[in-house]
Amino acid sequence: MSSKMAGLRLPMIPTDSLPSDSLPSGEDLLALERQCRRSGSGITVASLIGTWRLRATWSRDGTPAPAASAALLRGLGACLILSGEETDGALQIVNQVNLGSLRLRFDGEAELTGRRPLLMFSFRSVRLSLGKLTLFERSLPQPDARRMPYFALIGLDREQGRLSARGRGGGLALWMR
């Protein structure tokens, strides 16, 4: 992965049209994505660092995911944690869910590339723990470079703490700080 574009600063895409008191619709995200494809998103490594809790998902065409699915992901505290140095573009990535003190956690590396940009990532290990006790831990094989998972980042609203993206599988997701 190349980090040549990771530090590029572009103007942030305005998200004024997204509702402030409720979640944006799938159509809102699709419109934001079209604008991002034309102008880039302006999202930088520095703006991504932190904990992002999954709030909602939509299908490829912007249809909302079943309510039970979204509620389950929120109930499990699904989150994405990004950390690292703001200057070099390299990030550590954690994707985890919790059920009480039971935690399933994937750890790996990520890199922000391109103007849109893409958050390319690869998980190196998976761990299942109960409180401080590790029940299971295993290294994961690395995917072929052509099959690397990614999120195409399409919008960041710093004021409302919202991050929206399209995954490699085509679905849309919204995380909140």
N, C-alpha and C. Protein backbone atom coordinates (compact mmCIF):
# COMPACT_ATOMS: atom_id res chain seq x y z
N MET A 1 0.84 -1.18 0.00
CA MET A 1 0.00 0.00 0.00
C MET A 1 0.88 1.24 0.00
N SER A 2 0.45 2.25 -0.69
CA SER A 2 1.22 3.50 -0.77
C SER A 2 0.54 4.56 0.07
N SER A 3 1.34 5.37 0.72
CA SER A 3 0.75 6.44 1.54
C SER A 3 1.05 7.81 0.95
N LYS A 4 1.36 7.88 -0.33
CA LYS A 4 1.70 9.15 -0.96
C LYS A 4 0.61 10.19 -0.78
N MET A 5 -0.65 9.77 -0.88
CA MET A 5 -1.75 10.72 -0.84
C MET A 5 -2.33 10.87 0.57
N ALA A 6 -1.87 10.07 1.54
CA ALA A 6 -2.49 10.05 2.85
C ALA A 6 -2.52 11.41 3.53
N GLY A 7 -1.48 12.21 3.36
CA GLY A 7 -1.45 13.49 4.03
C GLY A 7 -2.07 14.62 3.24
N LEU A 8 -2.55 14.35 2.05
CA LEU A 8 -3.14 15.37 1.19
C LEU A 8 -4.35 15.99 1.88
N ARG A 9 -4.40 17.28 1.94
CA ARG A 9 -5.53 17.96 2.58
C ARG A 9 -6.40 18.58 1.50
N LEU A 10 -7.64 18.13 1.45
CA LEU A 10 -8.62 18.65 0.51
C LEU A 10 -9.74 19.29 1.30
N PRO A 11 -10.53 20.14 0.69
CA PRO A 11 -11.65 20.73 1.42
C PRO A 11 -12.64 19.65 1.84
N MET A 12 -13.19 19.81 3.03
CA MET A 12 -14.18 18.84 3.52
C MET A 12 -15.46 18.98 2.72
N ILE A 13 -16.08 17.86 2.44
CA ILE A 13 -17.36 17.89 1.74
C ILE A 13 -18.42 18.38 2.72
N PRO A 14 -19.20 19.38 2.35
CA PRO A 14 -20.22 19.88 3.27
C PRO A 14 -21.28 18.81 3.53
N THR A 15 -21.66 18.71 4.78
CA THR A 15 -22.71 17.75 5.13
C THR A 15 -23.91 18.48 5.72
N ASP A 16 -24.05 19.76 5.38
CA ASP A 16 -25.16 20.56 5.91
C ASP A 16 -26.50 19.95 5.55
N SER A 17 -26.55 19.26 4.42
CA SER A 17 -27.83 18.70 3.97
C SER A 17 -28.22 17.47 4.78
N LEU A 18 -27.27 16.90 5.53
CA LEU A 18 -27.61 15.73 6.33
C LEU A 18 -28.33 16.19 7.59
N PRO A 19 -29.39 15.48 7.98
CA PRO A 19 -30.16 15.88 9.16
C PRO A 19 -29.29 15.87 10.41
N SER A 20 -29.43 16.88 11.25
CA SER A 20 -28.60 16.96 12.45
C SER A 20 -29.21 16.21 13.62
N ASP A 21 -30.52 16.05 13.65
CA ASP A 21 -31.17 15.43 14.79
C ASP A 21 -31.53 13.97 14.54
N SER A 22 -31.24 13.45 13.37
CA SER A 22 -31.54 12.05 13.07
C SER A 22 -30.47 11.52 12.14
N LEU A 23 -30.57 10.23 11.86
CA LEU A 23 -29.60 9.63 10.96
C LEU A 23 -29.88 10.03 9.52
N PRO A 24 -28.85 10.15 8.72
CA PRO A 24 -29.08 10.43 7.30
C PRO A 24 -29.74 9.21 6.65
N SER A 25 -30.41 9.43 5.57
CA SER A 25 -31.02 8.32 4.82
C SER A 25 -29.97 7.71 3.90
N GLY A 26 -30.29 6.56 3.36
CA GLY A 26 -29.42 5.95 2.36
C GLY A 26 -29.25 6.87 1.16
N GLU A 27 -30.33 7.56 0.77
CA GLU A 27 -30.24 8.50 -0.35
C GLU A 27 -29.29 9.66 -0.04
N ASP A 28 -29.32 10.14 1.21
CA ASP A 28 -28.38 11.19 1.62
C ASP A 28 -26.94 10.72 1.43
N LEU A 29 -26.67 9.49 1.86
CA LEU A 29 -25.31 8.96 1.75
C LEU A 29 -24.90 8.73 0.29
N LEU A 30 -25.84 8.28 -0.53
CA LEU A 30 -25.54 8.09 -1.95
C LEU A 30 -25.21 9.43 -2.62
N ALA A 31 -25.94 10.48 -2.26
CA ALA A 31 -25.65 11.81 -2.80
C ALA A 31 -24.28 12.29 -2.34
N LEU A 32 -23.97 12.07 -1.07
CA LEU A 32 -22.67 12.45 -0.53
C LEU A 32 -21.56 11.66 -1.24
N GLU A 33 -21.82 10.40 -1.52
CA GLU A 33 -20.83 9.57 -2.22
C GLU A 33 -20.58 10.09 -3.64
N ARG A 34 -21.63 10.48 -4.34
CA ARG A 34 -21.46 11.03 -5.70
C ARG A 34 -20.59 12.29 -5.65
N GLN A 35 -20.85 13.14 -4.68
CA GLN A 35 -20.07 14.37 -4.52
C GLN A 35 -18.61 14.03 -4.19
N CYS A 36 -18.41 13.05 -3.35
CA CYS A 36 -17.06 12.62 -2.96
C CYS A 36 -16.29 12.09 -4.16
N ARG A 37 -16.96 11.36 -5.03
CA ARG A 37 -16.29 10.83 -6.23
C ARG A 37 -15.81 11.96 -7.13
N ARG A 38 -16.56 13.05 -7.17
CA ARG A 38 -16.18 14.20 -8.00
C ARG A 38 -15.07 15.03 -7.36
N SER A 39 -15.18 15.26 -6.06
CA SER A 39 -14.31 16.24 -5.39
C SER A 39 -13.35 15.67 -4.37
N GLY A 40 -13.47 14.40 -4.04
CA GLY A 40 -12.69 13.85 -2.93
C GLY A 40 -13.39 14.18 -1.62
N SER A 41 -12.97 13.55 -0.55
CA SER A 41 -13.65 13.76 0.73
C SER A 41 -12.91 14.71 1.66
N GLY A 42 -11.60 14.86 1.46
CA GLY A 42 -10.83 15.70 2.37
C GLY A 42 -10.52 15.03 3.69
N ILE A 43 -10.87 13.77 3.84
CA ILE A 43 -10.63 13.05 5.09
C ILE A 43 -9.14 12.75 5.21
N THR A 44 -8.58 13.04 6.38
CA THR A 44 -7.15 12.81 6.64
C THR A 44 -6.98 11.79 7.76
N VAL A 45 -5.77 11.29 7.90
CA VAL A 45 -5.45 10.36 8.98
C VAL A 45 -5.80 10.99 10.33
N ALA A 46 -5.41 12.23 10.53
CA ALA A 46 -5.65 12.91 11.81
C ALA A 46 -7.13 12.94 12.16
N SER A 47 -7.99 13.10 11.17
CA SER A 47 -9.43 13.20 11.45
C SER A 47 -10.06 11.85 11.75
N LEU A 48 -9.36 10.76 11.47
CA LEU A 48 -9.91 9.42 11.69
C LEU A 48 -9.54 8.83 13.04
N ILE A 49 -8.46 9.30 13.64
CA ILE A 49 -7.97 8.69 14.87
C ILE A 49 -9.02 8.82 15.96
N GLY A 50 -9.32 7.67 16.59
CA GLY A 50 -10.31 7.63 17.66
C GLY A 50 -11.17 6.39 17.58
N THR A 51 -12.21 6.38 18.37
CA THR A 51 -13.15 5.25 18.43
C THR A 51 -14.43 5.64 17.72
N TRP A 52 -14.84 4.80 16.78
CA TRP A 52 -16.04 5.01 15.98
C TRP A 52 -17.01 3.87 16.26
N ARG A 53 -18.20 4.19 16.75
CA ARG A 53 -19.22 3.17 17.05
C ARG A 53 -20.16 3.06 15.86
N LEU A 54 -20.37 1.82 15.43
CA LEU A 54 -21.26 1.59 14.30
C LEU A 54 -22.68 1.98 14.69
N ARG A 55 -23.30 2.83 13.90
CA ARG A 55 -24.64 3.33 14.22
C ARG A 55 -25.70 2.76 13.29
N ALA A 56 -25.38 2.64 11.99
CA ALA A 56 -26.38 2.16 11.03
C ALA A 56 -25.69 1.61 9.79
N THR A 57 -26.41 0.73 9.09
CA THR A 57 -25.92 0.18 7.83
C THR A 57 -27.03 0.20 6.79
N TRP A 58 -26.61 0.23 5.53
CA TRP A 58 -27.53 0.21 4.40
C TRP A 58 -26.97 -0.75 3.36
N SER A 59 -27.83 -1.24 2.49
CA SER A 59 -27.39 -2.10 1.40
C SER A 59 -26.68 -1.27 0.34
N ARG A 60 -26.20 -1.94 -0.67
CA ARG A 60 -25.49 -1.29 -1.78
C ARG A 60 -26.30 -0.15 -2.40
N ASP A 61 -27.62 -0.33 -2.50
CA ASP A 61 -28.47 0.68 -3.15
C ASP A 61 -29.04 1.71 -2.19
N GLY A 62 -28.62 1.67 -0.92
CA GLY A 62 -29.08 2.66 0.05
C GLY A 62 -30.31 2.24 0.84
N THR A 63 -30.77 1.00 0.64
CA THR A 63 -31.91 0.49 1.42
C THR A 63 -31.44 0.21 2.84
N PRO A 64 -32.18 0.66 3.85
CA PRO A 64 -31.75 0.42 5.24
C PRO A 64 -31.66 -1.08 5.54
N ALA A 65 -30.69 -1.44 6.36
CA ALA A 65 -30.57 -2.82 6.83
C ALA A 65 -31.78 -3.12 7.71
N PRO A 66 -32.13 -4.39 7.86
CA PRO A 66 -33.24 -4.72 8.77
C PRO A 66 -33.00 -4.12 10.16
N ALA A 67 -34.06 -3.62 10.76
CA ALA A 67 -33.95 -2.95 12.06
C ALA A 67 -33.30 -3.85 13.10
N ALA A 68 -33.62 -5.15 13.08
CA ALA A 68 -33.04 -6.08 14.06
C ALA A 68 -31.53 -6.17 13.90
N SER A 69 -31.05 -6.15 12.67
CA SER A 69 -29.61 -6.23 12.40
C SER A 69 -28.90 -5.01 12.97
N ALA A 70 -29.43 -3.84 12.70
CA ALA A 70 -28.83 -2.60 13.19
C ALA A 70 -28.86 -2.56 14.72
N ALA A 71 -29.98 -2.97 15.31
CA ALA A 71 -30.10 -2.97 16.77
C ALA A 71 -29.10 -3.94 17.40
N LEU A 72 -28.91 -5.11 16.76
CA LEU A 72 -27.97 -6.09 17.27
C LEU A 72 -26.54 -5.53 17.25
N LEU A 73 -26.16 -4.91 16.15
CA LEU A 73 -24.81 -4.35 16.06
C LEU A 73 -24.59 -3.24 17.09
N ARG A 74 -25.60 -2.41 17.30
CA ARG A 74 -25.47 -1.37 18.33
C ARG A 74 -25.43 -2.00 19.71
N GLY A 75 -26.27 -3.01 19.93
CA GLY A 75 -26.30 -3.69 21.23
C GLY A 75 -24.99 -4.39 21.56
N LEU A 76 -24.31 -4.88 20.55
CA LEU A 76 -23.02 -5.53 20.75
C LEU A 76 -21.87 -4.52 20.82
N GLY A 77 -22.20 -3.26 20.68
CA GLY A 77 -21.17 -2.23 20.77
C GLY A 77 -20.14 -2.34 19.67
N ALA A 78 -20.58 -2.70 18.46
CA ALA A 78 -19.65 -2.82 17.33
C ALA A 78 -18.92 -1.50 17.13
N CYS A 79 -17.59 -1.57 17.10
CA CYS A 79 -16.84 -0.33 16.91
C CYS A 79 -15.55 -0.57 16.15
N LEU A 80 -15.06 0.52 15.62
CA LEU A 80 -13.83 0.58 14.86
C LEU A 80 -12.93 1.56 15.61
N ILE A 81 -11.73 1.10 15.96
CA ILE A 81 -10.79 1.95 16.70
C ILE A 81 -9.56 2.16 15.82
N LEU A 82 -9.24 3.41 15.54
CA LEU A 82 -8.09 3.75 14.70
C LEU A 82 -7.10 4.56 15.52
N SER A 83 -5.84 4.16 15.48
CA SER A 83 -4.79 4.88 16.20
C SER A 83 -3.53 4.89 15.35
N GLY A 84 -2.62 5.77 15.69
CA GLY A 84 -1.35 5.84 14.97
C GLY A 84 -0.84 7.26 14.89
N GLU A 85 0.25 7.40 14.16
CA GLU A 85 0.87 8.70 13.95
C GLU A 85 0.13 9.45 12.85
N GLU A 86 -0.16 10.68 13.08
CA GLU A 86 -0.91 11.49 12.12
C GLU A 86 -0.08 11.84 10.89
N THR A 87 1.23 11.70 10.95
CA THR A 87 2.09 12.18 9.87
C THR A 87 2.44 11.14 8.82
N ASP A 88 2.49 9.85 9.16
CA ASP A 88 2.99 8.88 8.19
C ASP A 88 1.91 8.09 7.46
N GLY A 89 0.65 8.25 7.81
CA GLY A 89 -0.42 7.57 7.10
C GLY A 89 -0.70 6.16 7.57
N ALA A 90 0.21 5.56 8.35
CA ALA A 90 0.00 4.20 8.84
C ALA A 90 -0.88 4.24 10.09
N LEU A 91 -1.79 3.33 10.17
CA LEU A 91 -2.72 3.27 11.30
C LEU A 91 -2.78 1.85 11.86
N GLN A 92 -3.11 1.75 13.13
CA GLN A 92 -3.49 0.48 13.71
C GLN A 92 -5.02 0.48 13.71
N ILE A 93 -5.61 -0.68 13.41
CA ILE A 93 -7.06 -0.78 13.33
C ILE A 93 -7.53 -1.91 14.23
N VAL A 94 -8.62 -1.66 14.93
CA VAL A 94 -9.28 -2.67 15.75
C VAL A 94 -10.75 -2.65 15.38
N ASN A 95 -11.31 -3.83 15.20
CA ASN A 95 -12.74 -3.97 14.96
C ASN A 95 -13.23 -4.93 16.03
N GLN A 96 -14.19 -4.52 16.85
CA GLN A 96 -14.60 -5.39 17.94
C GLN A 96 -16.08 -5.28 18.25
N VAL A 97 -16.58 -6.35 18.89
CA VAL A 97 -17.93 -6.39 19.43
C VAL A 97 -17.84 -6.93 20.85
N ASN A 98 -18.79 -6.54 21.69
CA ASN A 98 -18.82 -6.96 23.09
C ASN A 98 -20.20 -7.46 23.46
N LEU A 99 -20.23 -8.51 24.25
CA LEU A 99 -21.48 -8.98 24.85
C LEU A 99 -21.18 -9.11 26.34
N GLY A 100 -21.55 -8.07 27.08
CA GLY A 100 -21.14 -8.01 28.48
C GLY A 100 -19.63 -7.92 28.53
N SER A 101 -19.00 -8.83 29.30
CA SER A 101 -17.54 -8.81 29.38
C SER A 101 -16.88 -9.74 28.35
N LEU A 102 -17.68 -10.34 27.48
CA LEU A 102 -17.16 -11.17 26.39
C LEU A 102 -16.85 -10.27 25.19
N ARG A 103 -15.62 -10.34 24.69
CA ARG A 103 -15.19 -9.45 23.60
C ARG A 103 -14.56 -10.26 22.47
N LEU A 104 -15.00 -9.97 21.25
CA LEU A 104 -14.37 -10.51 20.04
C LEU A 104 -13.67 -9.34 19.37
N ARG A 105 -12.35 -9.48 19.19
CA ARG A 105 -11.54 -8.35 18.72
C ARG A 105 -10.60 -8.78 17.59
N PHE A 106 -10.61 -7.99 16.51
CA PHE A 106 -9.70 -8.19 15.39
C PHE A 106 -8.72 -7.02 15.39
N ASP A 107 -7.41 -7.31 15.34
CA ASP A 107 -6.37 -6.28 15.34
C ASP A 107 -5.58 -6.33 14.04
N GLY A 108 -5.19 -5.17 13.53
CA GLY A 108 -4.40 -5.16 12.31
C GLY A 108 -3.83 -3.80 11.99
N GLU A 109 -3.53 -3.63 10.71
CA GLU A 109 -2.93 -2.40 10.22
C GLU A 109 -3.81 -1.83 9.11
N ALA A 110 -3.76 -0.51 8.97
CA ALA A 110 -4.55 0.16 7.94
C ALA A 110 -3.73 1.30 7.35
N GLU A 111 -4.15 1.72 6.17
CA GLU A 111 -3.49 2.84 5.51
C GLU A 111 -4.54 3.62 4.71
N LEU A 112 -4.44 4.91 4.77
CA LEU A 112 -5.34 5.79 4.03
C LEU A 112 -4.67 6.15 2.71
N THR A 113 -5.34 5.85 1.59
CA THR A 113 -4.75 6.12 0.28
C THR A 113 -5.76 6.78 -0.65
N GLY A 114 -5.28 7.66 -1.49
CA GLY A 114 -6.09 8.27 -2.52
C GLY A 114 -6.84 9.50 -2.08
N ARG A 115 -7.56 10.07 -3.01
CA ARG A 115 -8.29 11.33 -2.79
C ARG A 115 -9.65 11.10 -2.16
N ARG A 116 -10.24 9.97 -2.43
CA ARG A 116 -11.60 9.72 -1.94
C ARG A 116 -11.63 9.59 -0.43
N PRO A 117 -10.86 9.09 0.34
CA PRO A 117 -9.83 8.10 0.14
C PRO A 117 -10.33 6.70 0.49
N LEU A 118 -9.45 5.71 0.29
CA LEU A 118 -9.72 4.34 0.72
C LEU A 118 -8.97 4.09 2.01
N LEU A 119 -9.64 3.48 2.97
CA LEU A 119 -8.98 3.00 4.18
C LEU A 119 -8.76 1.51 3.95
N MET A 120 -7.56 1.17 3.48
CA MET A 120 -7.20 -0.23 3.21
C MET A 120 -6.74 -0.83 4.53
N PHE A 121 -7.17 -2.07 4.81
CA PHE A 121 -6.77 -2.67 6.08
C PHE A 121 -6.59 -4.17 5.95
N SER A 122 -5.90 -4.72 6.94
CA SER A 122 -5.63 -6.14 7.01
C SER A 122 -5.56 -6.51 8.49
N PHE A 123 -6.35 -7.48 8.90
CA PHE A 123 -6.31 -7.92 10.29
C PHE A 123 -5.25 -8.98 10.46
N ARG A 124 -4.42 -8.82 11.47
CA ARG A 124 -3.32 -9.75 11.75
C ARG A 124 -3.70 -10.81 12.77
N SER A 125 -4.65 -10.49 13.66
CA SER A 125 -5.01 -11.46 14.71
C SER A 125 -6.46 -11.29 15.13
N VAL A 126 -6.97 -12.35 15.74
CA VAL A 126 -8.31 -12.35 16.32
C VAL A 126 -8.18 -12.85 17.75
N ARG A 127 -8.93 -12.25 18.65
CA ARG A 127 -8.87 -12.63 20.06
C ARG A 127 -10.28 -12.63 20.64
N LEU A 128 -10.57 -13.66 21.42
CA LEU A 128 -11.81 -13.75 22.18
C LEU A 128 -11.43 -13.72 23.64
N SER A 129 -12.00 -12.78 24.38
CA SER A 129 -11.64 -12.67 25.79
C SER A 129 -12.89 -12.50 26.65
N LEU A 130 -12.74 -12.90 27.89
CA LEU A 130 -13.78 -12.73 28.90
C LEU A 130 -13.14 -11.91 30.00
N GLY A 131 -13.50 -10.64 30.07
CA GLY A 131 -12.81 -9.73 30.99
C GLY A 131 -11.35 -9.65 30.59
N LYS A 132 -10.45 -9.92 31.55
CA LYS A 132 -9.01 -9.88 31.26
C LYS A 132 -8.47 -11.24 30.82
N LEU A 133 -9.30 -12.26 30.83
CA LEU A 133 -8.88 -13.61 30.47
C LEU A 133 -9.03 -13.84 28.97
N THR A 134 -7.93 -14.18 28.30
CA THR A 134 -7.97 -14.49 26.87
C THR A 134 -8.39 -15.94 26.70
N LEU A 135 -9.52 -16.17 26.03
CA LEU A 135 -10.03 -17.51 25.80
C LEU A 135 -9.46 -18.13 24.53
N PHE A 136 -9.18 -17.28 23.56
CA PHE A 136 -8.73 -17.76 22.25
C PHE A 136 -7.98 -16.62 21.57
N GLU A 137 -6.86 -16.96 20.93
CA GLU A 137 -6.14 -15.96 20.14
C GLU A 137 -5.44 -16.67 19.00
N ARG A 138 -5.52 -16.08 17.82
CA ARG A 138 -4.92 -16.70 16.65
C ARG A 138 -4.47 -15.64 15.66
N SER A 139 -3.35 -15.91 15.00
CA SER A 139 -2.90 -15.07 13.89
C SER A 139 -3.77 -15.38 12.69
N LEU A 140 -3.97 -14.39 11.84
CA LEU A 140 -4.78 -14.56 10.64
C LEU A 140 -3.90 -14.50 9.40
N PRO A 141 -4.23 -15.30 8.39
CA PRO A 141 -3.47 -15.22 7.14
C PRO A 141 -3.74 -13.89 6.46
N GLN A 142 -2.75 -13.39 5.74
CA GLN A 142 -2.90 -12.11 5.06
C GLN A 142 -3.53 -12.29 3.69
N PRO A 143 -4.49 -11.44 3.36
CA PRO A 143 -5.14 -11.55 2.05
C PRO A 143 -4.20 -11.12 0.93
N ASP A 144 -4.46 -11.63 -0.24
CA ASP A 144 -3.76 -11.20 -1.45
C ASP A 144 -3.99 -9.70 -1.61
N ALA A 145 -3.01 -8.99 -2.11
CA ALA A 145 -3.11 -7.53 -2.26
C ALA A 145 -4.34 -7.11 -3.07
N ARG A 146 -4.76 -7.94 -4.02
CA ARG A 146 -5.93 -7.61 -4.85
C ARG A 146 -7.24 -7.83 -4.11
N ARG A 147 -7.19 -8.50 -2.97
CA ARG A 147 -8.40 -8.80 -2.22
C ARG A 147 -8.44 -8.13 -0.85
N MET A 148 -7.58 -7.13 -0.67
CA MET A 148 -7.54 -6.43 0.60
C MET A 148 -8.88 -5.78 0.90
N PRO A 149 -9.36 -5.93 2.12
CA PRO A 149 -10.59 -5.23 2.48
C PRO A 149 -10.33 -3.73 2.59
N TYR A 150 -11.38 -2.95 2.42
CA TYR A 150 -11.25 -1.50 2.53
C TYR A 150 -12.60 -0.87 2.82
N PHE A 151 -12.54 0.37 3.26
CA PHE A 151 -13.70 1.24 3.34
C PHE A 151 -13.40 2.43 2.44
N ALA A 152 -14.28 2.71 1.49
CA ALA A 152 -14.19 3.93 0.69
C ALA A 152 -14.88 5.01 1.51
N LEU A 153 -14.10 5.90 2.08
CA LEU A 153 -14.63 6.92 2.99
C LEU A 153 -15.31 8.01 2.18
N ILE A 154 -16.58 8.25 2.49
CA ILE A 154 -17.36 9.18 1.67
C ILE A 154 -17.78 10.44 2.40
N GLY A 155 -17.66 10.48 3.70
CA GLY A 155 -18.04 11.69 4.40
C GLY A 155 -17.62 11.68 5.85
N LEU A 156 -17.24 12.84 6.34
CA LEU A 156 -16.89 13.03 7.74
C LEU A 156 -17.48 14.35 8.20
N ASP A 157 -18.33 14.29 9.20
CA ASP A 157 -18.91 15.49 9.78
C ASP A 157 -18.31 15.62 11.17
N ARG A 158 -17.33 16.50 11.31
CA ARG A 158 -16.63 16.64 12.59
C ARG A 158 -17.55 17.17 13.68
N GLU A 159 -18.46 18.08 13.33
CA GLU A 159 -19.35 18.67 14.33
C GLU A 159 -20.26 17.62 14.95
N GLN A 160 -20.80 16.74 14.12
CA GLN A 160 -21.73 15.73 14.63
C GLN A 160 -21.04 14.40 14.92
N GLY A 161 -19.74 14.31 14.62
CA GLY A 161 -19.00 13.09 14.89
C GLY A 161 -19.47 11.91 14.06
N ARG A 162 -19.70 12.13 12.77
CA ARG A 162 -20.19 11.08 11.88
C ARG A 162 -19.17 10.76 10.81
N LEU A 163 -18.99 9.46 10.56
CA LEU A 163 -18.12 8.98 9.49
C LEU A 163 -18.93 8.00 8.65
N SER A 164 -18.98 8.23 7.35
CA SER A 164 -19.73 7.32 6.47
C SER A 164 -18.78 6.73 5.44
N ALA A 165 -19.07 5.47 5.06
CA ALA A 165 -18.19 4.77 4.14
C ALA A 165 -18.95 3.66 3.42
N ARG A 166 -18.36 3.23 2.32
CA ARG A 166 -18.84 2.05 1.60
C ARG A 166 -17.76 0.98 1.74
N GLY A 167 -18.17 -0.21 2.16
CA GLY A 167 -17.22 -1.31 2.31
C GLY A 167 -16.94 -1.99 0.99
N ARG A 168 -15.92 -2.81 0.97
CA ARG A 168 -15.56 -3.55 -0.24
C ARG A 168 -16.72 -4.40 -0.75
N GLY A 169 -17.54 -4.89 0.17
CA GLY A 169 -18.70 -5.70 -0.20
C GLY A 169 -19.85 -4.89 -0.78
N GLY A 170 -19.77 -3.57 -0.72
CA GLY A 170 -20.77 -2.71 -1.33
C GLY A 170 -21.73 -2.03 -0.38
N GLY A 171 -21.81 -2.49 0.86
CA GLY A 171 -22.73 -1.88 1.81
C GLY A 171 -22.24 -0.54 2.32
N LEU A 172 -23.18 0.27 2.79
CA LEU A 172 -22.88 1.57 3.37
C LEU A 172 -22.95 1.47 4.88
N ALA A 173 -22.12 2.24 5.57
CA ALA A 173 -22.12 2.23 7.03
C ALA A 173 -21.93 3.65 7.55
N LEU A 174 -22.48 3.88 8.73
CA LEU A 174 -22.33 5.16 9.42
C LEU A 174 -21.84 4.86 10.83
N TRP A 175 -20.72 5.49 11.18
CA TRP A 175 -20.18 5.38 12.53
C TRP A 175 -20.28 6.75 13.19
N MET A 176 -20.35 6.72 14.51
CA MET A 176 -20.36 7.97 15.28
C MET A 176 -19.33 7.87 16.39
N ARG A 177 -18.72 9.03 16.70
CA ARG A 177 -17.73 9.07 17.80
C ARG A 177 -18.43 8.88 19.11
